[in-house]
Amino acid sequence: MFGATSAAAQQRGAAPNAPPRVFVYCDPCTVEAGKSTVVHAYAEDPNRKPLTIRWSAKAGSFANASERETEWTAPARDGKVEVTAVADNGSVTASNTVMITVRGPRKP
């Protein structure tokens, strides 16, 4: 599933600069509590500046929060978790979010 929210850009500094574009998706987007899924960020900068990526979420953890593709481990409780990637070209940022559903362990 691709991120459902639109990219938001924030400019830092005075130099005119087009914001990067970032799209995120998860595979799969439903995961058992305590298990992992992979989140992906596709980002590009119209000005061809190098980009850094930062992942964040209020719950769960990332294997490497600065990689474009990383494993995210779900928390031990049910619910929906927003997972966000921020692309930064040094003066402008853009972000996109995907929702991951966390379900309790399957009962035998």
PDB file of N, CA and C in Angstrom:
ATOM      1  N   MET A   1       0.846  -1.163   0.000  1.00  0.00           N
ATOM      2  CA  MET A   1       0.000   0.000   0.000  1.00  0.00           C
ATOM      3  C   MET A   1       0.893   1.228   0.000  1.00  0.00           C
ATOM      4  N   PHE A   2       0.556   2.200  -0.816  1.00  0.00           N
ATOM      5  CA  PHE A   2       1.302   3.442  -0.852  1.00  0.00           C
ATOM      6  C   PHE A   2       0.800   4.360   0.237  1.00  0.00           C
ATOM      7  N   GLY A   3       1.655   5.292   0.658  1.00  0.00           N
ATOM      8  CA  GLY A   3       1.279   6.252   1.682  1.00  0.00           C
ATOM      9  C   GLY A   3       0.014   6.994   1.296  1.00  0.00           C
ATOM     10  N   ALA A   4      -0.875   7.166   2.246  1.00  0.00           N
ATOM     11  CA  ALA A   4      -2.172   7.752   1.967  1.00  0.00           C
ATOM     12  C   ALA A   4      -2.187   9.264   2.102  1.00  0.00           C
ATOM     13  N   THR A   5      -1.200   9.830   2.750  1.00  0.00           N
ATOM     14  CA  THR A   5      -1.207  11.274   2.922  1.00  0.00           C
ATOM     15  C   THR A   5      -0.362  11.926   1.846  1.00  0.00           C
ATOM     16  N   SER A   6      -0.672  13.160   1.539  1.00  0.00           N
ATOM     17  CA  SER A   6       0.110  13.868   0.535  1.00  0.00           C
ATOM     18  C   SER A   6       1.430  14.319   1.139  1.00  0.00           C
ATOM     19  N   ALA A   7       2.415  14.522   0.281  1.00  0.00           N
ATOM     20  CA  ALA A   7       3.725  14.975   0.746  1.00  0.00           C
ATOM     21  C   ALA A   7       3.595  16.389   1.283  1.00  0.00           C
ATOM     22  N   ALA A   8       4.245  16.651   2.386  1.00  0.00           N
ATOM     23  CA  ALA A   8       4.254  17.984   2.983  1.00  0.00           C
ATOM     24  C   ALA A   8       5.673  18.509   2.908  1.00  0.00           C
ATOM     25  N   ALA A   9       5.831  19.736   2.477  1.00  0.00           N
ATOM     26  CA  ALA A   9       7.173  20.297   2.331  1.00  0.00           C
ATOM     27  C   ALA A   9       7.358  21.463   3.280  1.00  0.00           C
ATOM     28  N   GLN A  10       8.573  21.608   3.756  1.00  0.00           N
ATOM     29  CA  GLN A  10       8.916  22.710   4.637  1.00  0.00           C
ATOM     30  C   GLN A  10      10.273  23.231   4.202  1.00  0.00           C
ATOM     31  N   GLN A  11      10.360  24.520   3.917  1.00  0.00           N
ATOM     32  CA  GLN A  11      11.622  25.099   3.466  1.00  0.00           C
ATOM     33  C   GLN A  11      12.346  25.729   4.636  1.00  0.00           C
ATOM     34  N   ARG A  12      13.662  25.464   4.705  1.00  0.00           N
ATOM     35  CA  ARG A  12      14.525  26.079   5.706  1.00  0.00           C
ATOM     36  C   ARG A  12      15.511  26.968   4.963  1.00  0.00           C
ATOM     37  N   GLY A  13      15.668  28.192   5.381  1.00  0.00           N
ATOM     38  CA  GLY A  13      16.606  29.091   4.723  1.00  0.00           C
ATOM     39  C   GLY A  13      15.916  29.898   3.639  1.00  0.00           C
ATOM     40  N   ALA A  14      16.673  30.771   2.974  1.00  0.00           N
ATOM     41  CA  ALA A  14      16.087  31.702   2.024  1.00  0.00           C
ATOM     42  C   ALA A  14      16.241  31.285   0.567  1.00  0.00           C
ATOM     43  N   ALA A  15      17.141  30.350   0.251  1.00  0.00           N
ATOM     44  CA  ALA A  15      17.383  29.984  -1.143  1.00  0.00           C
ATOM     45  C   ALA A  15      16.168  29.279  -1.735  1.00  0.00           C
ATOM     46  N   PRO A  16      15.701  29.707  -2.937  1.00  0.00           N
ATOM     47  CA  PRO A  16      14.575  29.020  -3.560  1.00  0.00           C
ATOM     48  C   PRO A  16      14.996  27.604  -3.958  1.00  0.00           C
ATOM     49  N   ASN A  17      14.136  26.668  -3.688  1.00  0.00           N
ATOM     50  CA  ASN A  17      14.490  25.277  -3.913  1.00  0.00           C
ATOM     51  C   ASN A  17      13.199  24.469  -3.962  1.00  0.00           C
ATOM     52  N   ALA A  18      13.019  23.673  -4.992  1.00  0.00           N
ATOM     53  CA  ALA A  18      11.835  22.818  -5.067  1.00  0.00           C
ATOM     54  C   ALA A  18      11.971  21.693  -4.050  1.00  0.00           C
ATOM     55  N   PRO A  19      10.885  21.327  -3.381  1.00  0.00           N
ATOM     56  CA  PRO A  19      10.972  20.256  -2.388  1.00  0.00           C
ATOM     57  C   PRO A  19      11.173  18.896  -3.046  1.00  0.00           C
ATOM     58  N   PRO A  20      11.803  17.975  -2.325  1.00  0.00           N
ATOM     59  CA  PRO A  20      11.895  16.612  -2.845  1.00  0.00           C
ATOM     60  C   PRO A  20      10.505  15.980  -2.877  1.00  0.00           C
ATOM     61  N   ARG A  21      10.410  14.855  -3.552  1.00  0.00           N
ATOM     62  CA  ARG A  21       9.178  14.066  -3.557  1.00  0.00           C
ATOM     63  C   ARG A  21       9.505  12.741  -2.887  1.00  0.00           C
ATOM     64  N   VAL A  22       8.591  12.280  -2.045  1.00  0.00           N
ATOM     65  CA  VAL A  22       8.805  11.007  -1.368  1.00  0.00           C
ATOM     66  C   VAL A  22       7.488  10.233  -1.340  1.00  0.00           C
ATOM     67  N   PHE A  23       7.565   8.959  -1.688  1.00  0.00           N
ATOM     68  CA  PHE A  23       6.428   8.045  -1.660  1.00  0.00           C
ATOM     69  C   PHE A  23       6.836   6.867  -0.784  1.00  0.00           C
ATOM     70  N   VAL A  24       5.928   6.398   0.046  1.00  0.00           N
ATOM     71  CA  VAL A  24       6.250   5.279   0.929  1.00  0.00           C
ATOM     72  C   VAL A  24       5.242   4.154   0.752  1.00  0.00           C
ATOM     73  N   TYR A  25       5.703   2.938   0.979  1.00  0.00           N
ATOM     74  CA  TYR A  25       4.797   1.798   0.985  1.00  0.00           C
ATOM     75  C   TYR A  25       5.347   0.723   1.910  1.00  0.00           C
ATOM     76  N   CYS A  26       4.456  -0.193   2.286  1.00  0.00           N
ATOM     77  CA  CYS A  26       4.824  -1.292   3.173  1.00  0.00           C
ATOM     78  C   CYS A  26       4.486  -2.607   2.483  1.00  0.00           C
ATOM     79  N   ASP A  27       5.193  -3.660   2.875  1.00  0.00           N
ATOM     80  CA  ASP A  27       4.961  -4.971   2.273  1.00  0.00           C
ATOM     81  C   ASP A  27       5.307  -6.061   3.278  1.00  0.00           C
ATOM     82  N   PRO A  28       4.314  -6.636   3.976  1.00  0.00           N
ATOM     83  CA  PRO A  28       2.877  -6.342   3.932  1.00  0.00           C
ATOM     84  C   PRO A  28       2.529  -5.165   4.835  1.00  0.00           C
ATOM     85  N   CYS A  29       1.269  -4.708   4.749  1.00  0.00           N
ATOM     86  CA  CYS A  29       0.814  -3.568   5.548  1.00  0.00           C
ATOM     87  C   CYS A  29      -0.006  -3.991   6.757  1.00  0.00           C
ATOM     88  N   THR A  30      -0.183  -5.293   6.931  1.00  0.00           N
ATOM     89  CA  THR A  30      -0.787  -5.845   8.140  1.00  0.00           C
ATOM     90  C   THR A  30       0.215  -6.832   8.703  1.00  0.00           C
ATOM     91  N   VAL A  31       0.516  -6.695   9.994  1.00  0.00           N
ATOM     92  CA  VAL A  31       1.559  -7.516  10.606  1.00  0.00           C
ATOM     93  C   VAL A  31       1.117  -7.944  12.001  1.00  0.00           C
ATOM     94  N   GLU A  32       1.563  -9.112  12.408  1.00  0.00           N
ATOM     95  CA  GLU A  32       1.268  -9.620  13.741  1.00  0.00           C
ATOM     96  C   GLU A  32       2.084  -8.837  14.769  1.00  0.00           C
ATOM     97  N   ALA A  33       1.498  -8.604  15.945  1.00  0.00           N
ATOM     98  CA  ALA A  33       2.190  -7.889  17.020  1.00  0.00           C
ATOM     99  C   ALA A  33       3.544  -8.539  17.294  1.00  0.00           C
ATOM    100  N   GLY A  34       4.592  -7.723  17.371  1.00  0.00           N
ATOM    101  CA  GLY A  34       5.941  -8.212  17.639  1.00  0.00           C
ATOM    102  C   GLY A  34       6.688  -8.728  16.423  1.00  0.00           C
ATOM    103  N   LYS A  35       6.024  -8.827  15.274  1.00  0.00           N
ATOM    104  CA  LYS A  35       6.661  -9.309  14.040  1.00  0.00           C
ATOM    105  C   LYS A  35       7.076  -8.126  13.173  1.00  0.00           C
ATOM    106  N   SER A  36       7.741  -8.423  12.051  1.00  0.00           N
ATOM    107  CA  SER A  36       8.297  -7.368  11.202  1.00  0.00           C
ATOM    108  C   SER A  36       7.652  -7.309   9.824  1.00  0.00           C
ATOM    109  N   THR A  37       7.768  -6.147   9.219  1.00  0.00           N
ATOM    110  CA  THR A  37       7.412  -5.916   7.831  1.00  0.00           C
ATOM    111  C   THR A  37       8.500  -5.025   7.243  1.00  0.00           C
ATOM    112  N   VAL A  38       8.470  -4.833   5.940  1.00  0.00           N
ATOM    113  CA  VAL A  38       9.458  -3.966   5.290  1.00  0.00           C
ATOM    114  C   VAL A  38       8.753  -2.708   4.810  1.00  0.00           C
ATOM    115  N   VAL A  39       9.351  -1.548   5.112  1.00  0.00           N
ATOM    116  CA  VAL A  39       8.851  -0.272   4.614  1.00  0.00           C
ATOM    117  C   VAL A  39       9.851   0.267   3.598  1.00  0.00           C
ATOM    118  N   HIS A  40       9.312   0.893   2.557  1.00  0.00           N
ATOM    119  CA  HIS A  40      10.123   1.385   1.441  1.00  0.00           C
ATOM    120  C   HIS A  40       9.835   2.867   1.232  1.00  0.00           C
ATOM    121  N   ALA A  41      10.872   3.640   0.937  1.00  0.00           N
ATOM    122  CA  ALA A  41      10.713   5.050   0.573  1.00  0.00           C
ATOM    123  C   ALA A  41      11.361   5.260  -0.789  1.00  0.00           C
ATOM    124  N   TYR A  42      10.578   5.771  -1.727  1.00  0.00           N
ATOM    125  CA  TYR A  42      11.126   6.182  -3.013  1.00  0.00           C
ATOM    126  C   TYR A  42      11.171   7.700  -2.962  1.00  0.00           C
ATOM    127  N   ALA A  43      12.357   8.274  -3.078  1.00  0.00           N
ATOM    128  CA  ALA A  43      12.499   9.724  -2.978  1.00  0.00           C
ATOM    129  C   ALA A  43      13.373  10.237  -4.108  1.00  0.00           C
ATOM    130  N   GLU A  44      13.011  11.421  -4.609  1.00  0.00           N
ATOM    131  CA  GLU A  44      13.827  12.070  -5.629  1.00  0.00           C
ATOM    132  C   GLU A  44      13.777  13.571  -5.408  1.00  0.00           C
ATOM    133  N   ASP A  45      14.830  14.236  -5.834  1.00  0.00           N
ATOM    134  CA  ASP A  45      14.922  15.675  -5.689  1.00  0.00           C
ATOM    135  C   ASP A  45      14.944  16.314  -7.074  1.00  0.00           C
ATOM    136  N   PRO A  46      13.988  17.219  -7.381  1.00  0.00           N
ATOM    137  CA  PRO A  46      13.953  17.839  -8.706  1.00  0.00           C
ATOM    138  C   PRO A  46      15.199  18.660  -9.018  1.00  0.00           C
ATOM    139  N   ASN A  47      15.915  19.094  -7.976  1.00  0.00           N
ATOM    140  CA  ASN A  47      17.143  19.875  -8.158  1.00  0.00           C
ATOM    141  C   ASN A  47      18.386  18.987  -8.180  1.00  0.00           C
ATOM    142  N   ARG A  48      18.165  17.677  -8.118  1.00  0.00           N
ATOM    143  CA  ARG A  48      19.238  16.676  -8.146  1.00  0.00           C
ATOM    144  C   ARG A  48      20.218  16.810  -6.982  1.00  0.00           C
ATOM    145  N   LYS A  49      19.718  17.296  -5.867  1.00  0.00           N
ATOM    146  CA  LYS A  49      20.540  17.358  -4.660  1.00  0.00           C
ATOM    147  C   LYS A  49      20.498  15.999  -3.973  1.00  0.00           C
ATOM    148  N   PRO A  50      21.569  15.634  -3.262  1.00  0.00           N
ATOM    149  CA  PRO A  50      21.541  14.373  -2.519  1.00  0.00           C
ATOM    150  C   PRO A  50      20.498  14.437  -1.401  1.00  0.00           C
ATOM    151  N   LEU A  51      19.864  13.307  -1.154  1.00  0.00           N
ATOM    152  CA  LEU A  51      18.816  13.237  -0.136  1.00  0.00           C
ATOM    153  C   LEU A  51      19.217  12.322   1.008  1.00  0.00           C
ATOM    154  N   THR A  52      18.769  12.677   2.198  1.00  0.00           N
ATOM    155  CA  THR A  52      18.833  11.754   3.326  1.00  0.00           C
ATOM    156  C   THR A  52      17.396  11.373   3.668  1.00  0.00           C
ATOM    157  N   ILE A  53      17.236  10.172   4.200  1.00  0.00           N
ATOM    158  CA  ILE A  53      15.925   9.656   4.598  1.00  0.00           C
ATOM    159  C   ILE A  53      15.944   9.421   6.100  1.00  0.00           C
ATOM    160  N   ARG A  54      14.835   9.767   6.767  1.00  0.00           N
ATOM    161  CA  ARG A  54      14.649   9.472   8.190  1.00  0.00           C
ATOM    162  C   ARG A  54      13.266   8.861   8.376  1.00  0.00           C
ATOM    163  N   TRP A  55      13.202   7.687   8.981  1.00  0.00           N
ATOM    164  CA  TRP A  55      11.933   7.034   9.302  1.00  0.00           C
ATOM    165  C   TRP A  55      11.570   7.346  10.744  1.00  0.00           C
ATOM    166  N   SER A  56      10.255   7.449  11.015  1.00  0.00           N
ATOM    167  CA  SER A  56       9.800   7.615  12.390  1.00  0.00           C
ATOM    168  C   SER A  56       8.426   6.975  12.555  1.00  0.00           C
ATOM    169  N   ALA A  57       8.127   6.586  13.787  1.00  0.00           N
ATOM    170  CA  ALA A  57       6.821   6.042  14.163  1.00  0.00           C
ATOM    171  C   ALA A  57       6.695   6.192  15.671  1.00  0.00           C
ATOM    172  N   LYS A  58       5.463   6.355  16.165  1.00  0.00           N
ATOM    173  CA  LYS A  58       5.257   6.496  17.608  1.00  0.00           C
ATOM    174  C   LYS A  58       5.370   5.169  18.337  1.00  0.00           C
ATOM    175  N   ALA A  59       5.353   4.064  17.598  1.00  0.00           N
ATOM    176  CA  ALA A  59       5.471   2.738  18.210  1.00  0.00           C
ATOM    177  C   ALA A  59       6.248   1.841  17.257  1.00  0.00           C
ATOM    178  N   GLY A  60       6.812   0.766  17.785  1.00  0.00           N
ATOM    179  CA  GLY A  60       7.607  -0.137  16.965  1.00  0.00           C
ATOM    180  C   GLY A  60       9.031   0.368  16.837  1.00  0.00           C
ATOM    181  N   SER A  61       9.838  -0.357  16.056  1.00  0.00           N
ATOM    182  CA  SER A  61      11.239   0.038  15.892  1.00  0.00           C
ATOM    183  C   SER A  61      11.722  -0.292  14.485  1.00  0.00           C
ATOM    184  N   PHE A  62      12.763   0.418  14.055  1.00  0.00           N
ATOM    185  CA  PHE A  62      13.344   0.256  12.725  1.00  0.00           C
ATOM    186  C   PHE A  62      14.699  -0.425  12.831  1.00  0.00           C
ATOM    187  N   ALA A  63      15.010  -1.285  11.861  1.00  0.00           N
ATOM    188  CA  ALA A  63      16.341  -1.893  11.800  1.00  0.00           C
ATOM    189  C   ALA A  63      17.375  -0.817  11.488  1.00  0.00           C
ATOM    190  N   ASN A  64      17.053   0.099  10.555  1.00  0.00           N
ATOM    191  CA  ASN A  64      17.944   1.204  10.204  1.00  0.00           C
ATOM    192  C   ASN A  64      17.076   2.367   9.733  1.00  0.00           C
ATOM    193  N   ALA A  65      16.874   3.352  10.587  1.00  0.00           N
ATOM    194  CA  ALA A  65      15.947   4.453  10.311  1.00  0.00           C
ATOM    195  C   ALA A  65      16.457   5.448   9.278  1.00  0.00           C
ATOM    196  N   SER A  66      17.648   5.224   8.708  1.00  0.00           N
ATOM    197  CA  SER A  66      18.162   6.147   7.696  1.00  0.00           C
ATOM    198  C   SER A  66      18.319   5.492   6.323  1.00  0.00           C
ATOM    199  N   GLU A  67      17.778   4.295   6.155  1.00  0.00           N
ATOM    200  CA  GLU A  67      17.828   3.599   4.863  1.00  0.00           C
ATOM    201  C   GLU A  67      16.509   3.773   4.122  1.00  0.00           C
ATOM    202  N   ARG A  68      16.558   3.757   2.800  1.00  0.00           N
ATOM    203  CA  ARG A  68      15.335   3.889   1.998  1.00  0.00           C
ATOM    204  C   ARG A  68      14.425   2.671   2.142  1.00  0.00           C
ATOM    205  N   GLU A  69      14.995   1.528   2.406  1.00  0.00           N
ATOM    206  CA  GLU A  69      14.231   0.302   2.649  1.00  0.00           C
ATOM    207  C   GLU A  69      14.730  -0.286   3.956  1.00  0.00           C
ATOM    208  N   THR A  70      13.806  -0.522   4.886  1.00  0.00           N
ATOM    209  CA  THR A  70      14.220  -1.038   6.183  1.00  0.00           C
ATOM    210  C   THR A  70      13.122  -1.894   6.794  1.00  0.00           C
ATOM    211  N   GLU A  71      13.517  -2.725   7.712  1.00  0.00           N
ATOM    212  CA  GLU A  71      12.564  -3.558   8.435  1.00  0.00           C
ATOM    213  C   GLU A  71      12.009  -2.755   9.608  1.00  0.00           C
ATOM    214  N   TRP A  72      10.687  -2.842   9.793  1.00  0.00           N
ATOM    215  CA  TRP A  72      10.027  -2.214  10.935  1.00  0.00           C
ATOM    216  C   TRP A  72       9.392  -3.320  11.758  1.00  0.00           C
ATOM    217  N   THR A  73       9.688  -3.349  13.057  1.00  0.00           N
ATOM    218  CA  THR A  73       9.126  -4.349  13.959  1.00  0.00           C
ATOM    219  C   THR A  73       7.970  -3.724  14.720  1.00  0.00           C
ATOM    220  N   ALA A  74       6.817  -4.389  14.651  1.00  0.00           N
ATOM    221  CA  ALA A  74       5.592  -3.888  15.269  1.00  0.00           C
ATOM    222  C   ALA A  74       5.675  -3.955  16.791  1.00  0.00           C
ATOM    223  N   PRO A  75       4.927  -3.078  17.471  1.00  0.00           N
ATOM    224  CA  PRO A  75       4.857  -3.163  18.929  1.00  0.00           C
ATOM    225  C   PRO A  75       4.081  -4.413  19.343  1.00  0.00           C
ATOM    226  N   ALA A  76       4.050  -4.690  20.633  1.00  0.00           N
ATOM    227  CA  ALA A  76       3.407  -5.899  21.147  1.00  0.00           C
ATOM    228  C   ALA A  76       1.899  -5.741  21.325  1.00  0.00           C
ATOM    229  N   ARG A  77       1.330  -4.640  20.864  1.00  0.00           N
ATOM    230  CA  ARG A  77      -0.117  -4.426  21.027  1.00  0.00           C
ATOM    231  C   ARG A  77      -0.793  -4.177  19.681  1.00  0.00           C
ATOM    232  N   ASP A  78      -2.099  -4.488  19.638  1.00  0.00           N
ATOM    233  CA  ASP A  78      -2.908  -4.270  18.434  1.00  0.00           C
ATOM    234  C   ASP A  78      -3.090  -2.778  18.168  1.00  0.00           C
ATOM    235  N   GLY A  79      -3.402  -2.463  16.922  1.00  0.00           N
ATOM    236  CA  GLY A  79      -3.741  -1.092  16.571  1.00  0.00           C
ATOM    237  C   GLY A  79      -3.179  -0.706  15.222  1.00  0.00           C
ATOM    238  N   LYS A  80      -3.336   0.550  14.890  1.00  0.00           N
ATOM    239  CA  LYS A  80      -2.799   1.099  13.646  1.00  0.00           C
ATOM    240  C   LYS A  80      -1.650   2.032  14.005  1.00  0.00           C
ATOM    241  N   VAL A  81      -0.575   1.946  13.231  1.00  0.00           N
ATOM    242  CA  VAL A  81       0.610   2.769  13.486  1.00  0.00           C
ATOM    243  C   VAL A  81       0.956   3.530  12.212  1.00  0.00           C
ATOM    244  N   GLU A  82       1.091   4.853  12.333  1.00  0.00           N
ATOM    245  CA  GLU A  82       1.550   5.672  11.213  1.00  0.00           C
ATOM    246  C   GLU A  82       3.070   5.602  11.160  1.00  0.00           C
ATOM    247  N   VAL A  83       3.592   5.241   9.999  1.00  0.00           N
ATOM    248  CA  VAL A  83       5.034   5.165   9.776  1.00  0.00           C
ATOM    249  C   VAL A  83       5.368   6.216   8.717  1.00  0.00           C
ATOM    250  N   THR A  84       6.296   7.110   9.046  1.00  0.00           N
ATOM    251  CA  THR A  84       6.587   8.265   8.201  1.00  0.00           C
ATOM    252  C   THR A  84       8.038   8.268   7.750  1.00  0.00           C
ATOM    253  N   ALA A  85       8.252   8.626   6.485  1.00  0.00           N
ATOM    254  CA  ALA A  85       9.596   8.857   5.957  1.00  0.00           C
ATOM    255  C   ALA A  85       9.717  10.334   5.611  1.00  0.00           C
ATOM    256  N   VAL A  86      10.844  10.937   6.000  1.00  0.00           N
ATOM    257  CA  VAL A  86      11.148  12.326   5.669  1.00  0.00           C
ATOM    258  C   VAL A  86      12.365  12.325   4.755  1.00  0.00           C
ATOM    259  N   ALA A  87      12.239  12.982   3.599  1.00  0.00           N
ATOM    260  CA  ALA A  87      13.361  13.157   2.677  1.00  0.00           C
ATOM    261  C   ALA A  87      13.869  14.584   2.848  1.00  0.00           C
ATOM    262  N   ASP A  88      15.183  14.742   2.981  1.00  0.00           N
ATOM    263  CA  ASP A  88      15.795  16.042   3.258  1.00  0.00           C
ATOM    264  C   ASP A  88      16.933  16.281   2.272  1.00  0.00           C
ATOM    265  N   ASN A  89      16.888  17.416   1.555  1.00  0.00           N
ATOM    266  CA  ASN A  89      17.968  17.730   0.620  1.00  0.00           C
ATOM    267  C   ASN A  89      18.929  18.777   1.186  1.00  0.00           C
ATOM    268  N   GLY A  90      18.830  19.031   2.484  1.00  0.00           N
ATOM    269  CA  GLY A  90      19.716  19.989   3.127  1.00  0.00           C
ATOM    270  C   GLY A  90      19.084  21.344   3.350  1.00  0.00           C
ATOM    271  N   SER A  91      18.028  21.673   2.582  1.00  0.00           N
ATOM    272  CA  SER A  91      17.351  22.947   2.796  1.00  0.00           C
ATOM    273  C   SER A  91      15.831  22.810   2.778  1.00  0.00           C
ATOM    274  N   VAL A  92      15.321  21.749   2.184  1.00  0.00           N
ATOM    275  CA  VAL A  92      13.880  21.530   2.105  1.00  0.00           C
ATOM    276  C   VAL A  92      13.601  20.067   2.441  1.00  0.00           C
ATOM    277  N   THR A  93      12.508  19.828   3.165  1.00  0.00           N
ATOM    278  CA  THR A  93      12.118  18.454   3.472  1.00  0.00           C
ATOM    279  C   THR A  93      10.738  18.165   2.901  1.00  0.00           C
ATOM    280  N   ALA A  94      10.465  16.892   2.698  1.00  0.00           N
ATOM    281  CA  ALA A  94       9.135  16.421   2.319  1.00  0.00           C
ATOM    282  C   ALA A  94       8.903  15.119   3.061  1.00  0.00           C
ATOM    283  N   SER A  95       7.657  14.840   3.401  1.00  0.00           N
ATOM    284  CA  SER A  95       7.363  13.612   4.129  1.00  0.00           C
ATOM    285  C   SER A  95       6.137  12.931   3.553  1.00  0.00           C
ATOM    286  N   ASN A  96       6.026  11.646   3.851  1.00  0.00           N
ATOM    287  CA  ASN A  96       4.864  10.867   3.464  1.00  0.00           C
ATOM    288  C   ASN A  96       4.706   9.770   4.498  1.00  0.00           C
ATOM    289  N   THR A  97       3.458   9.374   4.717  1.00  0.00           N
ATOM    290  CA  THR A  97       3.126   8.432   5.783  1.00  0.00           C
ATOM    291  C   THR A  97       2.309   7.272   5.241  1.00  0.00           C
ATOM    292  N   VAL A  98       2.552   6.092   5.793  1.00  0.00           N
ATOM    293  CA  VAL A  98       1.751   4.915   5.484  1.00  0.00           C
ATOM    294  C   VAL A  98       1.221   4.356   6.809  1.00  0.00           C
ATOM    295  N   MET A  99       0.018   3.787   6.776  1.00  0.00           N
ATOM    296  CA  MET A  99      -0.598   3.217   7.970  1.00  0.00           C
ATOM    297  C   MET A  99      -0.390   1.705   7.960  1.00  0.00           C
ATOM    298  N   ILE A 100       0.141   1.175   9.062  1.00  0.00           N
ATOM    299  CA  ILE A 100       0.340  -0.265   9.201  1.00  0.00           C
ATOM    300  C   ILE A 100      -0.597  -0.767  10.295  1.00  0.00           C
ATOM    301  N   THR A 101      -1.313  -1.847  10.000  1.00  0.00           N
ATOM    302  CA  THR A 101      -2.224  -2.457  10.966  1.00  0.00           C
ATOM    303  C   THR A 101      -1.487  -3.556  11.714  1.00  0.00           C
ATOM    304  N   VAL A 102      -1.537  -3.490  13.047  1.00  0.00           N
ATOM    305  CA  VAL A 102      -0.897  -4.494  13.906  1.00  0.00           C
ATOM    306  C   VAL A 102      -2.007  -5.324  14.539  1.00  0.00           C
ATOM    307  N   ARG A 103      -1.920  -6.635  14.365  1.00  0.00           N
ATOM    308  CA  ARG A 103      -2.926  -7.557  14.915  1.00  0.00           C
ATOM    309  C   ARG A 103      -2.275  -8.449  15.963  1.00  0.00           C
ATOM    310  N   GLY A 104      -3.084  -8.849  16.949  1.00  0.00           N
ATOM    311  CA  GLY A 104      -2.598  -9.757  17.983  1.00  0.00           C
ATOM    312  C   GLY A 104      -2.179 -11.085  17.391  1.00  0.00           C
ATOM    313  N   PRO A 105      -1.389 -11.864  18.126  1.00  0.00           N
ATOM    314  CA  PRO A 105      -0.941 -13.160  17.609  1.00  0.00           C
ATOM    315  C   PRO A 105      -2.129 -14.070  17.303  1.00  0.00           C
ATOM    316  N   ARG A 106      -1.966 -14.878  16.276  1.00  0.00           N
ATOM    317  CA  ARG A 106      -3.015 -15.837  15.915  1.00  0.00           C
ATOM    318  C   ARG A 106      -3.128 -16.896  16.993  1.00  0.00           C
ATOM    319  N   LYS A 107      -4.362 -17.255  17.295  1.00  0.00           N
ATOM    320  CA  LYS A 107      -4.602 -18.288  18.306  1.00  0.00           C
ATOM    321  C   LYS A 107      -4.659 -19.646  17.630  1.00  0.00           C
ATOM    322  N   PRO A 108      -4.044 -20.659  18.250  1.00  0.00           N
ATOM    323  CA  PRO A 108      -4.030 -22.001  17.630  1.00  0.00           C
ATOM    324  C   PRO A 108      -5.407 -22.628  17.576  1.00  0.00           C
TER     325      PRO A 108
END
